[in-house]
Amino acid sequence: MIWILICILGFILGSFYNVVGLRVPAGKSIVYPGSSCPTCGHKLRAWELIPVLSYFIQRGICRGCQSRISPLYPSIEFLTGVLFATAPLVVGWSLELIVALTLISLFIIIFVSDLAYMIIPDKVLLFFAGLFLLERIFVPLTPWWDSLLGAAVGFVLLLVIALVSKGGMGGGDIKLFAVIGFVVGTKTLLLSFFFSTLFGALIGIIGMALGFVKKGKPIPFGPFIAAGTLVAYYFGESLMEMYLQLFFR
């Protein structure tokens, strides 16, 4: 029962994170005006705002102008719910779960904003940096200073890559890795960078082979950072043990 409630909470917050990810980079308020169709301005009623379900009830079509509703909305709501529900299974019912849910929330917003605008908003990063600072005061890493070292390594590592690649990494990516380093510590940060790069490279190669990624055209790196960090945060220790047992027995 508790997992169902957490999943529903994720659906609801996922709907809100859609709004944040789409409005903040555009300099719009996340409160006013209320949700409406981006094509015709039709103001959505309560029954049109039910996370995930409303999309299917309306068959993916706006009631006002009959235009197609982006599948991004229900996809993000569903993804947030699933990630929220599975987090306790990985980190357990401890205070670290609060950190995990906050990290998921940050990544969902970044996923939306980076896909829509190729921007990781400073306002979002600053807000979550403050949250993580408070959380790590009460739920510190061991040792506690690994948060500070992780933040420094994350910032410097991405800054060096950006300088060497002459803009291959955006400023948002650099600041995001600094925040990630503070949350997960140095070792997990490095694993996060490895998986993020691996996922990005694989999708890039597959995308070019299938034709939906054009050579020389930039692709948003935020979603790969999110995926790579969650894999490292959740399974980093286990993956490292498997690697060492496989190659250094």
Protein backbone atom coordinates (compact mmCIF):
# COMPACT_ATOMS: atom_id res chain seq x y z
CA MET A 1 0.00 0.00 0.00
CA ILE A 2 2.78 2.44 0.90
CA TRP A 3 4.42 1.92 -2.50
CA ILE A 4 1.16 2.76 -4.25
CA LEU A 5 0.88 6.00 -2.26
CA ILE A 6 4.48 6.94 -3.07
CA CYS A 7 3.83 6.15 -6.73
CA ILE A 8 0.73 8.39 -6.76
CA LEU A 9 2.75 11.14 -5.07
CA GLY A 10 5.31 10.74 -7.85
CA PHE A 11 2.58 11.05 -10.51
CA ILE A 12 1.33 14.28 -8.92
CA LEU A 13 4.78 15.79 -8.45
CA GLY A 14 5.76 14.67 -11.96
CA SER A 15 2.93 16.82 -13.32
CA PHE A 16 4.28 19.78 -11.35
CA TYR A 17 7.86 19.08 -12.46
CA ASN A 18 6.66 19.23 -16.06
CA VAL A 19 5.46 22.76 -15.38
CA VAL A 20 8.70 23.76 -13.67
CA GLY A 21 10.89 22.28 -16.39
CA LEU A 22 8.96 24.02 -19.16
CA ARG A 23 8.28 27.40 -17.53
CA VAL A 24 11.39 28.28 -15.52
CA PRO A 25 13.80 28.27 -18.50
CA ALA A 26 11.30 30.48 -20.37
CA GLY A 27 11.20 32.96 -17.49
CA LYS A 28 7.54 32.25 -16.70
CA SER A 29 5.80 31.86 -13.36
CA ILE A 30 5.18 28.30 -12.20
CA VAL A 31 2.01 29.43 -10.41
CA TYR A 32 0.21 31.80 -12.78
CA PRO A 33 -1.46 31.39 -15.20
CA GLY A 34 -2.95 27.96 -14.62
CA SER A 35 -2.31 25.01 -16.92
CA SER A 36 -3.62 25.48 -20.44
CA CYS A 37 -3.23 24.13 -23.96
CA PRO A 38 -0.04 25.64 -25.49
CA THR A 39 -1.77 25.74 -28.90
CA CYS A 40 -5.17 27.34 -28.25
CA GLY A 41 -4.90 28.52 -24.64
CA HIS A 42 -7.80 26.33 -23.47
CA LYS A 43 -7.70 26.39 -19.66
CA LEU A 44 -7.55 22.85 -18.34
CA ARG A 45 -10.24 21.75 -15.91
CA ALA A 46 -9.61 19.58 -12.86
CA TRP A 47 -10.51 16.35 -14.64
CA GLU A 48 -8.09 17.25 -17.44
CA LEU A 49 -5.24 17.52 -14.94
CA ILE A 50 -5.32 14.00 -13.50
CA PRO A 51 -1.72 12.75 -13.87
CA VAL A 52 -1.24 10.08 -16.55
CA LEU A 53 -4.95 9.18 -16.77
CA SER A 54 -6.16 12.46 -18.32
CA TYR A 55 -3.95 11.94 -21.36
CA PHE A 56 -5.60 8.61 -22.12
CA ILE A 57 -9.11 9.79 -21.23
CA GLN A 58 -8.67 12.60 -23.77
CA ARG A 59 -6.96 10.20 -26.20
CA GLY A 60 -4.00 12.55 -26.37
CA ILE A 61 -6.07 15.35 -27.91
CA CYS A 62 -6.92 18.84 -26.60
CA ARG A 63 -10.65 19.27 -25.97
CA GLY A 64 -10.44 22.86 -27.16
CA CYS A 65 -8.66 22.73 -30.52
CA GLN A 66 -8.22 18.99 -31.16
CA SER A 67 -4.45 19.38 -31.43
CA ARG A 68 -2.19 16.57 -30.24
CA ILE A 69 -1.00 16.69 -26.63
CA SER A 70 2.69 15.95 -26.25
CA PRO A 71 3.29 12.46 -24.86
CA LEU A 72 6.09 14.04 -22.82
CA TYR A 73 3.55 15.03 -20.14
CA PRO A 74 2.22 11.56 -19.20
CA SER A 75 5.65 10.01 -19.78
CA ILE A 76 7.28 12.30 -17.22
CA GLU A 77 4.43 11.79 -14.75
CA PHE A 78 4.67 8.01 -15.10
CA LEU A 79 8.48 8.01 -14.89
CA THR A 80 8.44 10.11 -11.72
CA GLY A 81 5.92 7.77 -10.10
CA VAL A 82 7.95 4.68 -10.97
CA LEU A 83 11.21 6.21 -9.74
CA PHE A 84 9.60 7.35 -6.49
CA ALA A 85 8.08 3.90 -5.87
CA THR A 86 11.32 2.03 -6.56
CA ALA A 87 13.59 4.32 -4.51
CA PRO A 88 12.72 2.69 -1.13
CA LEU A 89 13.50 -0.73 -2.61
CA VAL A 90 17.05 0.42 -3.35
CA VAL A 91 18.00 2.80 -0.51
CA GLY A 92 15.63 1.40 2.11
CA TRP A 93 13.35 3.15 4.58
CA SER A 94 15.97 5.49 6.00
CA LEU A 95 16.64 9.22 5.97
CA GLU A 96 18.70 8.66 2.82
CA LEU A 97 15.38 8.08 1.07
CA ILE A 98 14.67 11.81 1.39
CA VAL A 99 17.93 12.53 -0.43
CA ALA A 100 17.08 9.99 -3.12
CA LEU A 101 13.62 11.47 -3.76
CA THR A 102 15.07 14.97 -3.89
CA LEU A 103 17.70 13.81 -6.39
CA ILE A 104 15.00 12.19 -8.55
CA SER A 105 12.99 15.42 -8.43
CA LEU A 106 15.97 17.46 -9.62
CA PHE A 107 16.66 15.04 -12.46
CA ILE A 108 13.06 15.01 -13.67
CA ILE A 109 12.98 18.81 -13.93
CA ILE A 110 16.35 18.84 -15.69
CA PHE A 111 15.22 16.08 -18.03
CA VAL A 112 12.26 18.22 -19.13
CA SER A 113 14.12 21.53 -19.41
CA ASP A 114 17.12 20.07 -21.22
CA LEU A 115 14.94 18.20 -23.72
CA ALA A 116 12.76 21.25 -24.38
CA TYR A 117 15.37 24.04 -24.38
CA MET A 118 18.80 22.40 -23.93
CA ILE A 119 19.08 24.47 -20.75
CA ILE A 120 19.73 23.45 -17.14
CA PRO A 121 18.34 26.49 -15.26
CA ASP A 122 20.53 28.10 -12.60
CA LYS A 123 17.42 28.82 -10.49
CA VAL A 124 16.60 25.13 -10.32
CA LEU A 125 20.18 24.15 -9.46
CA LEU A 126 20.43 26.85 -6.78
CA PHE A 127 17.14 25.79 -5.17
CA PHE A 128 18.12 22.12 -5.03
CA ALA A 129 21.67 22.93 -3.89
CA GLY A 130 20.12 24.58 -0.83
CA LEU A 131 17.92 21.53 -0.19
CA PHE A 132 20.85 19.13 -0.50
CA LEU A 133 22.95 21.26 1.83
CA LEU A 134 20.27 20.97 4.53
CA GLU A 135 19.79 17.26 3.92
CA ARG A 136 23.48 16.43 4.07
CA ILE A 137 23.74 18.28 7.39
CA PHE A 138 21.30 15.77 8.87
CA VAL A 139 22.19 12.81 6.63
CA PRO A 140 25.94 13.25 6.04
CA LEU A 141 28.16 11.12 3.87
CA THR A 142 30.93 9.10 5.51
CA PRO A 143 33.31 10.89 5.84
CA TRP A 144 31.32 14.15 5.88
CA TRP A 145 33.94 16.07 3.91
CA ASP A 146 33.43 13.77 0.92
CA SER A 147 30.51 16.02 -0.03
CA LEU A 148 32.83 19.03 -0.31
CA LEU A 149 35.47 17.05 -2.19
CA GLY A 150 32.85 15.58 -4.52
CA ALA A 151 31.49 19.05 -5.34
CA ALA A 152 34.98 20.35 -6.09
CA VAL A 153 35.93 17.33 -8.23
CA GLY A 154 32.64 17.50 -10.14
CA PHE A 155 33.07 21.19 -10.95
CA VAL A 156 36.75 20.99 -11.90
CA LEU A 157 36.38 17.78 -13.94
CA LEU A 158 33.59 19.17 -16.12
CA LEU A 159 35.25 22.59 -16.36
CA VAL A 160 38.46 21.03 -17.70
CA ILE A 161 36.47 18.99 -20.22
CA ALA A 162 34.57 22.10 -21.32
CA LEU A 163 37.82 24.04 -21.80
CA VAL A 164 39.58 21.22 -23.64
CA SER A 165 36.58 20.50 -25.86
CA LYS A 166 36.00 24.24 -26.42
CA GLY A 167 32.36 24.23 -25.40
CA GLY A 168 31.62 20.52 -25.59
CA MET A 169 30.11 20.80 -22.10
CA GLY A 170 27.66 23.50 -21.16
CA GLY A 171 27.83 25.64 -18.04
CA GLY A 172 24.70 23.95 -16.71
CA ASP A 173 26.36 20.54 -16.94
CA ILE A 174 29.37 21.82 -14.99
CA LYS A 175 27.25 23.24 -12.17
CA LEU A 176 25.03 20.15 -12.15
CA PHE A 177 28.01 17.85 -11.62
CA ALA A 178 29.17 20.05 -8.75
CA VAL A 179 25.76 19.58 -7.10
CA ILE A 180 25.82 15.84 -7.82
CA GLY A 181 29.31 15.54 -6.35
CA PHE A 182 28.11 17.20 -3.16
CA VAL A 183 25.21 14.76 -2.87
CA VAL A 184 26.89 11.44 -3.72
CA GLY A 185 30.58 11.98 -2.92
CA THR A 186 33.72 11.58 -5.00
CA LYS A 187 33.72 7.87 -5.87
CA THR A 188 30.08 7.76 -6.91
CA LEU A 189 30.55 11.02 -8.82
CA LEU A 190 33.28 9.46 -10.95
CA LEU A 191 31.08 6.43 -11.61
CA SER A 192 28.27 8.81 -12.49
CA PHE A 193 30.47 10.57 -15.04
CA PHE A 194 31.50 7.22 -16.54
CA PHE A 195 27.92 5.96 -16.93
CA SER A 196 26.63 9.33 -18.17
CA THR A 197 29.30 9.43 -20.87
CA LEU A 198 28.72 5.76 -21.75
CA PHE A 199 24.95 6.22 -22.10
CA GLY A 200 25.41 9.42 -24.11
CA ALA A 201 27.88 7.76 -26.47
CA LEU A 202 25.68 4.70 -26.99
CA ILE A 203 22.58 6.76 -27.74
CA GLY A 204 24.62 8.99 -30.03
CA ILE A 205 25.95 6.04 -32.02
CA ILE A 206 22.56 4.32 -32.20
CA GLY A 207 20.85 7.61 -33.02
CA MET A 208 23.19 8.34 -35.93
CA ALA A 209 22.77 4.80 -37.23
CA LEU A 210 18.97 5.17 -37.16
CA GLY A 211 19.02 8.73 -38.43
CA PHE A 212 17.37 10.60 -35.55
CA VAL A 213 20.70 12.12 -34.39
CA LYS A 214 22.56 14.30 -36.88
CA LYS A 215 26.35 14.38 -36.90
CA GLY A 216 27.66 17.63 -35.43
CA LYS A 217 24.27 18.56 -33.95
CA PRO A 218 24.36 18.89 -30.15
CA ILE A 219 22.10 16.68 -28.05
CA PRO A 220 21.00 17.40 -24.47
CA PHE A 221 23.37 15.73 -22.01
CA GLY A 222 21.19 16.31 -18.92
CA PRO A 223 19.07 13.15 -19.37
CA PHE A 224 22.23 11.02 -19.63
CA ILE A 225 23.66 12.66 -16.51
CA ALA A 226 20.42 11.82 -14.69
CA ALA A 227 20.42 8.19 -15.83
CA GLY A 228 24.14 7.70 -15.19
CA THR A 229 23.98 9.24 -11.74
CA LEU A 230 21.01 7.16 -10.61
CA VAL A 231 22.73 3.97 -11.79
CA ALA A 232 25.92 4.95 -9.94
CA TYR A 233 24.03 6.11 -6.82
CA TYR A 234 21.87 2.99 -6.62
CA PHE A 235 24.16 0.25 -7.88
CA GLY A 236 27.71 1.67 -7.89
CA GLU A 237 29.01 -0.40 -5.01
CA SER A 238 27.57 -3.64 -6.38
CA LEU A 239 28.86 -2.96 -9.88
CA MET A 240 32.35 -2.20 -8.57
CA GLU A 241 32.40 -5.44 -6.57
CA MET A 242 31.30 -7.43 -9.62
CA TYR A 243 33.99 -5.75 -11.73
CA LEU A 244 36.76 -6.45 -9.21
CA GLN A 245 35.70 -10.07 -8.75
CA LEU A 246 35.54 -10.58 -12.50
CA PHE A 247 38.90 -9.11 -13.44
CA PHE A 248 40.99 -9.20 -10.25
CA ARG A 249 40.26 -12.56 -8.65
